[in-house]
């Protein structure tokens, strides 16, 4: 009985690790390319321009999400830089007014 349970556990773990390595999130591109190739070989009329359109939209969406994350991280420094520039411009205008008013 004990040997049977150990055998079942070992087989289940082998199957679990074997199946978990089959499909990963980073295999998306491979799956799409494989699907397009297999459909072309079968002779099915597949709309590759539509697939390309969807892929470009997916990449654009990912780029926008990454851009928002970067902006969120650097927003305090950006606002500080803008505030410093505005202070310098206002100081320059104030100094010009003082100089022009005294002449």
Protein backbone atom coordinates (compact mmCIF):
# COMPACT_ATOMS: atom_id res chain seq x y z
CA UNK A 1 0.00 0.00 0.00
CA UNK A 2 2.80 2.41 0.91
CA UNK A 3 4.69 1.60 -2.28
CA UNK A 4 1.52 2.19 -4.29
CA UNK A 5 0.99 5.65 -2.72
CA UNK A 6 4.60 6.65 -3.36
CA UNK A 7 4.28 5.49 -6.97
CA UNK A 8 1.08 7.54 -7.42
CA UNK A 9 2.70 10.63 -5.88
CA UNK A 10 5.79 10.30 -8.09
CA UNK A 11 3.70 9.80 -11.24
CA UNK A 12 1.46 12.74 -10.37
CA UNK A 13 4.43 15.00 -9.78
CA UNK A 14 6.04 13.94 -13.08
CA UNK A 15 2.79 14.63 -14.93
CA UNK A 16 2.31 17.93 -13.10
CA UNK A 17 5.78 19.26 -13.92
CA UNK A 18 5.61 17.89 -17.45
CA UNK A 19 2.32 19.59 -18.24
CA UNK A 20 3.18 22.86 -16.53
CA UNK A 21 6.13 23.36 -18.86
CA UNK A 22 4.04 22.91 -22.02
CA UNK A 23 2.22 26.25 -22.16
CA UNK A 24 3.67 29.35 -20.62
CA UNK A 25 2.65 32.98 -20.95
CA UNK A 26 5.75 33.83 -23.00
CA UNK A 27 4.80 31.22 -25.61
CA UNK A 28 2.04 33.45 -26.99
CA UNK A 29 4.06 34.54 -30.02
CA UNK A 30 5.08 30.97 -30.79
CA UNK A 31 1.44 29.86 -30.61
CA UNK A 32 0.25 32.61 -32.96
CA UNK A 33 3.03 31.97 -35.48
CA UNK A 34 2.43 28.23 -35.33
CA UNK A 35 -1.29 28.73 -35.89
CA UNK A 36 -0.70 30.97 -38.92
CA UNK A 37 1.79 28.52 -40.42
CA UNK A 38 -0.49 25.54 -39.87
CA UNK A 39 -3.45 27.37 -41.43
CA UNK A 40 -1.33 28.36 -44.44
CA UNK A 41 -0.20 24.74 -44.88
CA UNK A 42 -3.82 23.54 -44.69
CA UNK A 43 -4.73 26.07 -47.36
CA UNK A 44 -7.26 27.87 -45.17
CA UNK A 45 -7.93 31.46 -46.14
CA UNK A 46 -6.57 33.22 -43.06
CA UNK A 47 -6.55 37.01 -42.81
CA UNK A 48 -2.94 37.75 -41.89
CA UNK A 49 -3.46 41.52 -42.10
CA UNK A 50 -6.13 41.31 -39.39
CA UNK A 51 -3.81 39.23 -37.22
CA UNK A 52 -1.03 41.77 -37.75
CA UNK A 53 -3.43 44.59 -36.85
CA UNK A 54 -4.39 42.87 -33.61
CA UNK A 55 -0.75 42.24 -32.72
CA UNK A 56 0.15 45.89 -33.31
CA UNK A 57 -2.79 46.97 -31.12
CA UNK A 58 -1.63 44.56 -28.41
CA UNK A 59 1.91 45.95 -28.54
CA UNK A 60 0.60 49.54 -28.49
CA UNK A 61 -1.50 48.75 -25.44
CA UNK A 62 1.50 47.22 -23.67
CA UNK A 63 3.60 50.28 -24.59
CA UNK A 64 0.94 52.63 -23.17
CA UNK A 65 0.75 50.68 -19.92
CA UNK A 66 4.55 50.76 -19.59
CA UNK A 67 4.58 54.51 -20.36
CA UNK A 68 2.03 55.23 -17.64
CA UNK A 69 4.09 53.23 -15.16
CA UNK A 70 7.24 55.18 -16.06
CA UNK A 71 5.40 58.52 -15.84
CA UNK A 72 4.00 57.54 -12.47
CA UNK A 73 7.49 56.77 -11.19
CA UNK A 74 9.07 60.01 -12.46
CA UNK A 75 6.15 62.42 -12.04
CA UNK A 76 7.44 64.04 -8.82
CA UNK A 77 10.79 64.85 -10.46
CA UNK A 78 9.04 66.17 -13.58
CA UNK A 79 6.80 68.46 -11.52
CA UNK A 80 9.78 69.68 -9.48
CA UNK A 81 11.64 70.55 -12.68
CA UNK A 82 8.66 72.43 -14.09
CA UNK A 83 8.21 74.34 -10.81
CA UNK A 84 11.90 75.28 -10.76
CA UNK A 85 11.69 76.55 -14.36
CA UNK A 86 8.60 78.60 -13.54
CA UNK A 87 10.30 80.12 -10.49
CA UNK A 88 13.32 81.10 -12.60
CA UNK A 89 11.11 82.69 -15.26
CA UNK A 90 9.13 84.62 -12.64
CA UNK A 91 12.34 85.80 -10.97
CA UNK A 92 13.68 87.03 -14.31
CA UNK A 93 10.44 88.94 -15.05
CA UNK A 94 10.45 90.44 -11.55
CA UNK A 95 14.07 91.58 -11.93
CA UNK A 96 13.27 93.13 -15.33
CA UNK A 97 10.33 95.02 -13.79
CA UNK A 98 12.53 96.32 -10.98
CA UNK A 99 15.25 97.43 -13.40
CA UNK A 100 12.77 99.07 -15.81
CA UNK A 101 10.92 100.79 -12.98
CA UNK A 102 14.11 102.38 -11.57
CA UNK A 103 15.32 103.82 -14.93
